[in-house]
PDB file of N, CA and C in Angstrom:
ATOM      1  N   MET A   1     134.010  89.006  98.534  1.00  0.00           N
ATOM      2  CA  MET A   1     133.598  88.802  97.237  1.00  0.00           C
ATOM      3  C   MET A   1     135.052  88.417  96.653  1.00  0.00           C
ATOM      4  N   LYS A   2     134.688  87.029  95.991  1.00  0.00           N
ATOM      5  CA  LYS A   2     135.911  86.204  95.412  1.00  0.00           C
ATOM      6  C   LYS A   2     136.013  86.488  93.994  1.00  0.00           C
ATOM      7  N   LEU A   3     137.238  86.989  93.482  1.00  0.00           N
ATOM      8  CA  LEU A   3     136.999  87.003  91.891  1.00  0.00           C
ATOM      9  C   LEU A   3     138.011  86.178  91.605  1.00  0.00           C
ATOM     10  N   THR A   4     137.477  85.734  90.280  1.00  0.00           N
ATOM     11  CA  THR A   4     138.211  84.542  89.418  1.00  0.00           C
ATOM     12  C   THR A   4     139.453  84.887  88.900  1.00  0.00           C
ATOM     13  N   ARG A   5     139.990  84.170  88.613  1.00  0.00           N
ATOM     14  CA  ARG A   5     141.663  84.467  87.903  1.00  0.00           C
ATOM     15  C   ARG A   5     141.517  85.285  86.654  1.00  0.00           C
ATOM     16  N   GLU A   6     140.419  84.683  85.792  1.00  0.00           N
ATOM     17  CA  GLU A   6     140.293  85.520  84.524  1.00  0.00           C
ATOM     18  C   GLU A   6     139.742  87.006  84.969  1.00  0.00           C
ATOM     19  N   GLU A   7     138.838  87.420  85.805  1.00  0.00           N
ATOM     20  CA  GLU A   7     138.464  88.583  86.410  1.00  0.00           C
ATOM     21  C   GLU A   7     139.636  89.248  86.989  1.00  0.00           C
ATOM     22  N   VAL A   8     140.231  88.924  87.415  1.00  0.00           N
ATOM     23  CA  VAL A   8     142.109  89.774  88.055  1.00  0.00           C
ATOM     24  C   VAL A   8     142.494  90.309  86.695  1.00  0.00           C
ATOM     25  N   LEU A   9     142.848  89.047  85.410  1.00  0.00           N
ATOM     26  CA  LEU A   9     143.778  89.213  84.450  1.00  0.00           C
ATOM     27  C   LEU A   9     142.735  89.959  83.655  1.00  0.00           C
ATOM     28  N   LYS A  10     141.753  90.188  83.672  1.00  0.00           N
ATOM     29  CA  LYS A  10     140.899  91.175  82.948  1.00  0.00           C
ATOM     30  C   LYS A  10     141.259  92.777  83.564  1.00  0.00           C
ATOM     31  N   ILE A  11     141.078  92.681  84.978  1.00  0.00           N
ATOM     32  CA  ILE A  11     141.244  93.803  85.387  1.00  0.00           C
ATOM     33  C   ILE A  11     142.812  94.490  85.383  1.00  0.00           C
ATOM     34  N   ALA A  12     143.874  93.564  84.980  1.00  0.00           N
ATOM     35  CA  ALA A  12     145.123  93.918  85.109  1.00  0.00           C
ATOM     36  C   ALA A  12     145.418  94.380  83.641  1.00  0.00           C
ATOM     37  N   LYS A  13     144.830  93.622  82.731  1.00  0.00           N
ATOM     38  CA  LYS A  13     145.019  94.358  81.182  1.00  0.00           C
ATOM     39  C   LYS A  13     144.318  95.589  81.233  1.00  0.00           C
ATOM     40  N   LEU A  14     143.207  95.869  81.424  1.00  0.00           N
ATOM     41  CA  LEU A  14     142.478  97.394  81.536  1.00  0.00           C
ATOM     42  C   LEU A  14     143.557  98.425  82.128  1.00  0.00           C
ATOM     43  N   ALA A  15     144.401  98.048  82.966  1.00  0.00           N
ATOM     44  CA  ALA A  15     144.773  98.668  84.057  1.00  0.00           C
ATOM     45  C   ALA A  15     146.309  98.694  83.240  1.00  0.00           C
ATOM     46  N   ARG A  16     146.464  98.061  82.297  1.00  0.00           N
ATOM     47  CA  ARG A  16     147.780  97.723  81.497  1.00  0.00           C
ATOM     48  C   ARG A  16     148.630  97.390  82.401  1.00  0.00           C
ATOM     49  N   LEU A  17     148.678  96.512  83.359  1.00  0.00           N
ATOM     50  CA  LEU A  17     149.680  95.862  84.472  1.00  0.00           C
ATOM     51  C   LEU A  17     149.761  94.649  83.734  1.00  0.00           C
ATOM     52  N   HIS A  18     151.213  94.256  83.927  1.00  0.00           N
ATOM     53  CA  HIS A  18     152.072  92.771  83.791  1.00  0.00           C
ATOM     54  C   HIS A  18     151.832  92.110  85.015  1.00  0.00           C
ATOM     55  N   LEU A  19     151.396  91.284  85.205  1.00  0.00           N
ATOM     56  CA  LEU A  19     150.979  90.395  86.482  1.00  0.00           C
ATOM     57  C   LEU A  19     152.239  89.127  86.327  1.00  0.00           C
ATOM     58  N   GLU A  20     153.061  88.681  87.228  1.00  0.00           N
ATOM     59  CA  GLU A  20     153.386  87.487  87.403  1.00  0.00           C
ATOM     60  C   GLU A  20     152.835  86.534  87.787  1.00  0.00           C
ATOM     61  N   GLU A  21     152.642  85.244  87.352  1.00  0.00           N
ATOM     62  CA  GLU A  21     151.934  84.118  87.527  1.00  0.00           C
ATOM     63  C   GLU A  21     151.341  83.841  89.102  1.00  0.00           C
ATOM     64  N   GLU A  22     152.610  84.173  89.800  1.00  0.00           N
ATOM     65  CA  GLU A  22     152.334  83.739  91.284  1.00  0.00           C
ATOM     66  C   GLU A  22     152.008  85.023  91.989  1.00  0.00           C
ATOM     67  N   ASP A  23     151.413  86.185  91.431  1.00  0.00           N
ATOM     68  CA  ASP A  23     150.819  87.316  92.157  1.00  0.00           C
ATOM     69  C   ASP A  23     149.470  87.467  91.722  1.00  0.00           C
ATOM     70  N   ILE A  24     149.080  86.586  90.779  1.00  0.00           N
ATOM     71  CA  ILE A  24     147.740  86.150  90.129  1.00  0.00           C
ATOM     72  C   ILE A  24     146.812  85.986  91.316  1.00  0.00           C
ATOM     73  N   ALA A  25     147.019  85.188  92.614  1.00  0.00           N
ATOM     74  CA  ALA A  25     146.480  84.331  93.429  1.00  0.00           C
ATOM     75  C   ALA A  25     146.249  85.546  94.847  1.00  0.00           C
ATOM     76  N   LYS A  26     147.402  86.587  94.812  1.00  0.00           N
ATOM     77  CA  LYS A  26     147.166  87.546  96.059  1.00  0.00           C
ATOM     78  C   LYS A  26     146.538  88.464  95.552  1.00  0.00           C
ATOM     79  N   TYR A  27     146.640  89.098  94.338  1.00  0.00           N
ATOM     80  CA  TYR A  27     145.718  89.527  93.597  1.00  0.00           C
ATOM     81  C   TYR A  27     144.035  89.377  93.871  1.00  0.00           C
ATOM     82  N   GLN A  28     143.899  88.384  93.512  1.00  0.00           N
ATOM     83  CA  GLN A  28     142.354  87.697  93.776  1.00  0.00           C
ATOM     84  C   GLN A  28     142.060  87.940  95.269  1.00  0.00           C
ATOM     85  N   GLU A  29     142.684  88.034  96.187  1.00  0.00           N
ATOM     86  CA  GLU A  29     142.337  87.759  97.522  1.00  0.00           C
ATOM     87  C   GLU A  29     142.474  89.206  97.705  1.00  0.00           C
ATOM     88  N   ASP A  30     143.337  89.974  97.377  1.00  0.00           N
ATOM     89  CA  ASP A  30     143.693  91.203  97.970  1.00  0.00           C
ATOM     90  C   ASP A  30     142.130  92.610  97.373  1.00  0.00           C
ATOM     91  N   LEU A  31     142.231  92.098  96.195  1.00  0.00           N
ATOM     92  CA  LEU A  31     140.862  92.847  95.486  1.00  0.00           C
ATOM     93  C   LEU A  31     139.730  92.565  96.088  1.00  0.00           C
ATOM     94  N   GLY A  32     139.349  90.896  96.298  1.00  0.00           N
ATOM     95  CA  GLY A  32     138.290  90.850  96.753  1.00  0.00           C
ATOM     96  C   GLY A  32     137.971  91.268  98.188  1.00  0.00           C
ATOM     97  N   SER A  33     139.113  91.009  98.829  1.00  0.00           N
ATOM     98  CA  SER A  33     138.856  91.911 100.278  1.00  0.00           C
ATOM     99  C   SER A  33     138.368  93.481 100.351  1.00  0.00           C
ATOM    100  N   ILE A  34     138.831  94.004  99.254  1.00  0.00           N
ATOM    101  CA  ILE A  34     138.310  95.348  98.720  1.00  0.00           C
ATOM    102  C   ILE A  34     137.087  95.495  98.807  1.00  0.00           C
ATOM    103  N   LEU A  35     136.549  94.571  97.679  1.00  0.00           N
ATOM    104  CA  LEU A  35     135.617  94.764  97.066  1.00  0.00           C
ATOM    105  C   LEU A  35     134.402  94.471  98.304  1.00  0.00           C
ATOM    106  N   SER A  36     134.693  93.620  98.950  1.00  0.00           N
ATOM    107  CA  SER A  36     133.782  92.931  99.843  1.00  0.00           C
ATOM    108  C   SER A  36     133.796  94.096 101.041  1.00  0.00           C
ATOM    109  N   TYR A  37     134.625  94.890 101.566  1.00  0.00           N
ATOM    110  CA  TYR A  37     134.675  96.064 102.548  1.00  0.00           C
ATOM    111  C   TYR A  37     133.681  97.064 101.718  1.00  0.00           C
ATOM    112  N   VAL A  38     133.815  97.301 100.290  1.00  0.00           N
ATOM    113  CA  VAL A  38     132.783  98.021  99.623  1.00  0.00           C
ATOM    114  C   VAL A  38     131.391  97.611  99.838  1.00  0.00           C
ATOM    115  N   GLU A  39     131.123  96.509  99.591  1.00  0.00           N
ATOM    116  CA  GLU A  39     129.743  96.163 100.020  1.00  0.00           C
ATOM    117  C   GLU A  39     129.226  96.429 101.235  1.00  0.00           C
ATOM    118  N   LYS A  40     130.314  95.877 101.795  1.00  0.00           N
ATOM    119  CA  LYS A  40     129.777  96.053 103.547  1.00  0.00           C
ATOM    120  C   LYS A  40     129.436  97.705 103.599  1.00  0.00           C
ATOM    121  N   LEU A  41     130.051  98.531 102.899  1.00  0.00           N
ATOM    122  CA  LEU A  41     130.066 100.274 102.858  1.00  0.00           C
ATOM    123  C   LEU A  41     128.390 100.480 102.480  1.00  0.00           C
ATOM    124  N   GLN A  42     128.274  99.957 101.386  1.00  0.00           N
ATOM    125  CA  GLN A  42     127.240 100.201 100.251  1.00  0.00           C
ATOM    126  C   GLN A  42     125.921  99.868 101.418  1.00  0.00           C
ATOM    127  N   GLU A  43     126.116  99.061 102.494  1.00  0.00           N
ATOM    128  CA  GLU A  43     124.936  98.836 103.644  1.00  0.00           C
ATOM    129  C   GLU A  43     124.368 100.011 104.642  1.00  0.00           C
ATOM    130  N   LEU A  44     125.292 100.719 104.485  1.00  0.00           N
ATOM    131  CA  LEU A  44     125.236 101.993 105.469  1.00  0.00           C
ATOM    132  C   LEU A  44     124.272 102.949 104.943  1.00  0.00           C
ATOM    133  N   ASN A  45     123.488 103.356 105.934  1.00  0.00           N
ATOM    134  CA  ASN A  45     122.022 104.535 105.331  1.00  0.00           C
ATOM    135  C   ASN A  45     123.074 106.086 105.807  1.00  0.00           C
ATOM    136  N   THR A  46     122.865 106.672 104.676  1.00  0.00           N
ATOM    137  CA  THR A  46     123.869 107.581 104.451  1.00  0.00           C
ATOM    138  C   THR A  46     122.612 108.766 104.283  1.00  0.00           C
ATOM    139  N   ASP A  47     121.405 108.346 104.254  1.00  0.00           N
ATOM    140  CA  ASP A  47     120.389 109.745 104.090  1.00  0.00           C
ATOM    141  C   ASP A  47     120.212 110.856 104.442  1.00  0.00           C
ATOM    142  N   ASP A  48     120.222 110.949 106.289  1.00  0.00           N
ATOM    143  CA  ASP A  48     120.937 111.736 106.597  1.00  0.00           C
ATOM    144  C   ASP A  48     122.365 112.795 106.836  1.00  0.00           C
ATOM    145  N   VAL A  49     122.934 112.383 106.278  1.00  0.00           N
ATOM    146  CA  VAL A  49     124.492 112.719 106.099  1.00  0.00           C
ATOM    147  C   VAL A  49     124.874 113.831 105.317  1.00  0.00           C
ATOM    148  N   PRO A  50     124.987 115.107 105.575  1.00  0.00           N
ATOM    149  CA  PRO A  50     125.293 115.865 104.713  1.00  0.00           C
ATOM    150  C   PRO A  50     126.521 116.146 103.596  1.00  0.00           C
ATOM    151  N   GLU A  51     126.560 116.161 102.379  1.00  0.00           N
ATOM    152  CA  GLU A  51     127.688 116.054 101.328  1.00  0.00           C
ATOM    153  C   GLU A  51     128.845 116.933 101.980  1.00  0.00           C
ATOM    154  N   PHE A  52     129.855 116.359 101.396  1.00  0.00           N
ATOM    155  CA  PHE A  52     131.084 117.689 101.637  1.00  0.00           C
ATOM    156  C   PHE A  52     132.354 117.177 100.359  1.00  0.00           C
ATOM    157  N   GLN A  53     132.672 118.296 100.357  1.00  0.00           N
ATOM    158  CA  GLN A  53     134.128 118.035  99.111  1.00  0.00           C
ATOM    159  C   GLN A  53     135.306 117.523  99.946  1.00  0.00           C
ATOM    160  N   HIS A  54     135.309 117.657 101.168  1.00  0.00           N
ATOM    161  CA  HIS A  54     136.223 117.589 101.612  1.00  0.00           C
ATOM    162  C   HIS A  54     136.764 117.005 103.078  1.00  0.00           C
ATOM    163  N   ALA A  55     137.055 115.723 103.149  1.00  0.00           N
ATOM    164  CA  ALA A  55     136.842 114.856 104.549  1.00  0.00           C
ATOM    165  C   ALA A  55     137.687 116.098 105.748  1.00  0.00           C
ATOM    166  N   ALA A  56     138.737 116.662 105.457  1.00  0.00           N
ATOM    167  CA  ALA A  56     139.181 117.181 106.381  1.00  0.00           C
ATOM    168  C   ALA A  56     139.286 118.890 106.196  1.00  0.00           C
ATOM    169  N   GLY A  57     138.253 119.252 105.646  1.00  0.00           N
ATOM    170  CA  GLY A  57     138.185 120.614 105.736  1.00  0.00           C
ATOM    171  C   GLY A  57     139.042 121.456 104.993  1.00  0.00           C
ATOM    172  N   GLY A  58     139.771 120.945 104.068  1.00  0.00           N
ATOM    173  CA  GLY A  58     140.912 121.525 103.026  1.00  0.00           C
ATOM    174  C   GLY A  58     140.625 122.936 102.608  1.00  0.00           C
ATOM    175  N   VAL A  59     141.872 123.649 102.903  1.00  0.00           N
ATOM    176  CA  VAL A  59     141.976 125.100 102.547  1.00  0.00           C
ATOM    177  C   VAL A  59     142.840 125.298 101.499  1.00  0.00           C
ATOM    178  N   ASN A  60     142.770 126.514 100.656  1.00  0.00           N
ATOM    179  CA  ASN A  60     143.728 126.696  99.897  1.00  0.00           C
ATOM    180  C   ASN A  60     145.145 127.018 100.730  1.00  0.00           C
ATOM    181  N   VAL A  61     146.259 126.007 100.230  1.00  0.00           N
ATOM    182  CA  VAL A  61     147.566 126.018 100.720  1.00  0.00           C
ATOM    183  C   VAL A  61     148.757 126.823  99.521  1.00  0.00           C
ATOM    184  N   PHE A  62     148.182 127.193  98.514  1.00  0.00           N
ATOM    185  CA  PHE A  62     149.069 127.639  97.405  1.00  0.00           C
ATOM    186  C   PHE A  62     149.381 129.279  97.719  1.00  0.00           C
ATOM    187  N   ARG A  63     150.441 129.778  97.564  1.00  0.00           N
ATOM    188  CA  ARG A  63     150.963 130.781  97.675  1.00  0.00           C
ATOM    189  C   ARG A  63     150.581 131.807  96.802  1.00  0.00           C
ATOM    190  N   GLU A  64     150.274 133.146  97.103  1.00  0.00           N
ATOM    191  CA  GLU A  64     149.689 134.295  96.203  1.00  0.00           C
ATOM    192  C   GLU A  64     150.873 134.650  95.212  1.00  0.00           C
ATOM    193  N   ASP A  65     150.279 134.718  93.736  1.00  0.00           N
ATOM    194  CA  ASP A  65     151.191 135.106  92.968  1.00  0.00           C
ATOM    195  C   ASP A  65     152.208 136.404  93.139  1.00  0.00           C
ATOM    196  N   VAL A  66     153.354 136.731  92.844  1.00  0.00           N
ATOM    197  CA  VAL A  66     154.052 137.594  93.152  1.00  0.00           C
ATOM    198  C   VAL A  66     155.203 138.065  91.854  1.00  0.00           C
ATOM    199  N   ILE A  67     154.906 138.995  91.207  1.00  0.00           N
ATOM    200  CA  ILE A  67     155.081 139.613  90.159  1.00  0.00           C
ATOM    201  C   ILE A  67     155.994 139.847  90.496  1.00  0.00           C
ATOM    202  N   GLU A  68     157.474 139.686  90.246  1.00  0.00           N
ATOM    203  CA  GLU A  68     158.907 140.359  90.434  1.00  0.00           C
ATOM    204  C   GLU A  68     159.434 140.311  89.025  1.00  0.00           C
ATOM    205  N   ASN A  69     160.134 141.747  88.516  1.00  0.00           N
ATOM    206  CA  ASN A  69     161.211 142.107  87.370  1.00  0.00           C
ATOM    207  C   ASN A  69     162.366 141.503  87.756  1.00  0.00           C
ATOM    208  N   CYS A  70     162.702 141.094  86.429  1.00  0.00           N
ATOM    209  CA  CYS A  70     164.115 140.755  86.385  1.00  0.00           C
ATOM    210  C   CYS A  70     165.193 141.476  85.799  1.00  0.00           C
ATOM    211  N   ASP A  71     166.236 141.564  85.998  1.00  0.00           N
ATOM    212  CA  ASP A  71     167.185 142.619  85.647  1.00  0.00           C
ATOM    213  C   ASP A  71     166.979 142.795  84.110  1.00  0.00           C
ATOM    214  N   ALA A  72     167.022 144.108  83.676  1.00  0.00           N
ATOM    215  CA  ALA A  72     167.269 144.198  81.972  1.00  0.00           C
ATOM    216  C   ALA A  72     168.458 143.482  81.195  1.00  0.00           C
ATOM    217  N   ASP A  73     169.453 143.285  81.956  1.00  0.00           N
ATOM    218  CA  ASP A  73     170.887 142.706  81.373  1.00  0.00           C
ATOM    219  C   ASP A  73     170.209 140.979  81.174  1.00  0.00           C
ATOM    220  N   VAL A  74     169.663 140.411  81.952  1.00  0.00           N
ATOM    221  CA  VAL A  74     169.378 139.089  82.243  1.00  0.00           C
ATOM    222  C   VAL A  74     168.265 138.604  81.453  1.00  0.00           C
ATOM    223  N   ARG A  75     167.113 139.869  81.063  1.00  0.00           N
ATOM    224  CA  ARG A  75     166.146 139.721  80.107  1.00  0.00           C
ATOM    225  C   ARG A  75     166.421 139.611  78.968  1.00  0.00           C
ATOM    226  N   ARG A  76     167.579 140.311  78.528  1.00  0.00           N
ATOM    227  CA  ARG A  76     168.041 140.671  77.222  1.00  0.00           C
ATOM    228  C   ARG A  76     168.670 139.678  76.664  1.00  0.00           C
ATOM    229  N   ARG A  77     169.545 138.818  77.613  1.00  0.00           N
ATOM    230  CA  ARG A  77     170.226 137.626  77.371  1.00  0.00           C
ATOM    231  C   ARG A  77     169.180 136.574  77.108  1.00  0.00           C
ATOM    232  N   ALA A  78     168.395 136.388  77.701  1.00  0.00           N
ATOM    233  CA  ALA A  78     167.407 135.428  78.239  1.00  0.00           C
ATOM    234  C   ALA A  78     166.869 135.361  76.436  1.00  0.00           C
ATOM    235  N   ILE A  79     166.410 136.599  75.960  1.00  0.00           N
ATOM    236  CA  ILE A  79     165.570 136.390  74.998  1.00  0.00           C
ATOM    237  C   ILE A  79     166.769 136.060  73.611  1.00  0.00           C
ATOM    238  N   ASP A  80     167.824 136.974  73.898  1.00  0.00           N
ATOM    239  CA  ASP A  80     168.753 136.471  72.753  1.00  0.00           C
ATOM    240  C   ASP A  80     169.431 135.235  72.638  1.00  0.00           C
ATOM    241  N   ASN A  81     169.352 134.447  73.538  1.00  0.00           N
ATOM    242  CA  ASN A  81     169.683 132.915  73.549  1.00  0.00           C
ATOM    243  C   ASN A  81     169.013 132.188  73.070  1.00  0.00           C
ATOM    244  N   PHE A  82     167.433 132.615  72.715  1.00  0.00           N
ATOM    245  CA  PHE A  82     166.467 131.852  72.867  1.00  0.00           C
ATOM    246  C   PHE A  82     166.596 131.419  71.310  1.00  0.00           C
ATOM    247  N   SER A  83     166.177 130.356  70.869  1.00  0.00           N
ATOM    248  CA  SER A  83     166.144 129.974  69.307  1.00  0.00           C
ATOM    249  C   SER A  83     165.434 130.219  68.256  1.00  0.00           C
ATOM    250  N   GLU A  84     164.252 130.757  68.940  1.00  0.00           N
ATOM    251  CA  GLU A  84     163.061 130.892  68.072  1.00  0.00           C
ATOM    252  C   GLU A  84     162.199 132.360  68.745  1.00  0.00           C
ATOM    253  N   ARG A  85     162.191 133.208  68.137  1.00  0.00           N
ATOM    254  CA  ARG A  85     161.575 134.590  68.812  1.00  0.00           C
ATOM    255  C   ARG A  85     160.903 135.312  67.819  1.00  0.00           C
ATOM    256  N   GLU A  86     160.061 136.307  68.105  1.00  0.00           N
ATOM    257  CA  GLU A  86     159.381 137.214  67.093  1.00  0.00           C
ATOM    258  C   GLU A  86     159.589 138.509  68.235  1.00  0.00           C
ATOM    259  N   GLY A  87     160.397 139.188  67.873  1.00  0.00           N
ATOM    260  CA  GLY A  87     160.612 140.665  68.709  1.00  0.00           C
ATOM    261  C   GLY A  87     161.096 140.480  70.245  1.00  0.00           C
ATOM    262  N   ASN A  88     160.275 140.656  71.341  1.00  0.00           N
ATOM    263  CA  ASN A  88     160.661 140.029  72.790  1.00  0.00           C
ATOM    264  C   ASN A  88     159.786 138.611  73.028  1.00  0.00           C
ATOM    265  N   LEU A  89     158.980 138.394  72.100  1.00  0.00           N
ATOM    266  CA  LEU A  89     158.393 136.951  72.310  1.00  0.00           C
ATOM    267  C   LEU A  89     159.086 135.620  71.898  1.00  0.00           C
ATOM    268  N   LEU A  90     158.967 134.999  73.130  1.00  0.00           N
ATOM    269  CA  LEU A  90     159.669 133.815  72.771  1.00  0.00           C
ATOM    270  C   LEU A  90     158.458 132.485  72.055  1.00  0.00           C
ATOM    271  N   LYS A  91     159.166 132.018  71.099  1.00  0.00           N
ATOM    272  CA  LYS A  91     158.253 130.990  70.546  1.00  0.00           C
ATOM    273  C   LYS A  91     158.367 129.485  70.836  1.00  0.00           C
ATOM    274  N   VAL A  92     157.630 128.900  71.379  1.00  0.00           N
ATOM    275  CA  VAL A  92     157.545 127.363  71.962  1.00  0.00           C
ATOM    276  C   VAL A  92     157.035 126.941  71.131  1.00  0.00           C
ATOM    277  N   GLN A  93     157.059 125.464  71.250  1.00  0.00           N
ATOM    278  CA  GLN A  93     156.449 124.476  70.460  1.00  0.00           C
ATOM    279  C   GLN A  93     154.585 124.219  71.156  1.00  0.00           C
ATOM    280  N   ALA A  94     153.746 124.137  70.155  1.00  0.00           N
ATOM    281  CA  ALA A  94     152.458 124.180  70.511  1.00  0.00           C
ATOM    282  C   ALA A  94     152.309 123.010  71.865  1.00  0.00           C
ATOM    283  N   VAL A  95     151.087 123.418  72.467  1.00  0.00           N
ATOM    284  CA  VAL A  95     151.058 122.360  73.877  1.00  0.00           C
ATOM    285  C   VAL A  95     150.100 121.584  73.273  1.00  0.00           C
ATOM    286  N   PHE A  96     148.908 122.189  72.728  1.00  0.00           N
ATOM    287  CA  PHE A  96     147.551 121.665  72.000  1.00  0.00           C
ATOM    288  C   PHE A  96     147.659 121.598  70.823  1.00  0.00           C
ATOM    289  N   GLU A  97     146.783 120.578  70.027  1.00  0.00           N
ATOM    290  CA  GLU A  97     146.653 120.168  68.785  1.00  0.00           C
ATOM    291  C   GLU A  97     145.503 121.487  68.207  1.00  0.00           C
ATOM    292  N   ASN A  98     145.804 121.771  67.016  1.00  0.00           N
ATOM    293  CA  ASN A  98     144.790 122.500  66.278  1.00  0.00           C
ATOM    294  C   ASN A  98     143.433 121.698  65.584  1.00  0.00           C
ATOM    295  N   ARG A  99     142.336 121.626  66.138  1.00  0.00           N
ATOM    296  CA  ARG A  99     141.556 120.844  65.890  1.00  0.00           C
ATOM    297  C   ARG A  99     140.573 121.610  64.994  1.00  0.00           C
ATOM    298  N   THR A 100     140.725 122.555  63.811  1.00  0.00           N
ATOM    299  CA  THR A 100     139.773 123.590  63.521  1.00  0.00           C
ATOM    300  C   THR A 100     139.550 122.698  61.687  1.00  0.00           C
ATOM    301  N   GLU A 101     140.103 121.939  61.302  1.00  0.00           N
ATOM    302  CA  GLU A 101     140.008 121.315  60.076  1.00  0.00           C
ATOM    303  C   GLU A 101     138.852 120.668  59.977  1.00  0.00           C
TER     304      GLU A 101
END
């Protein structure tokens, strides 16, 4: 499937990519090749193929959380040196916006 110059520029704009003039023809060819391959894959009959989430049978590779106590002096110094706090709680900048308005 051959893409036009305008189609490549539109895709680049949507992806917020700046393409140099000499790259446009290369992207026309590369993206066209990818789309042709996808078209070929669309022809495959997958009616009897079971669905799966991971092609490689992935397993959880994360370690278990381990709670470790720190030395009381280290904890006290960390709290004392923190810029904003309430008692033993450290105040940090909000991560999420409050949209209750």
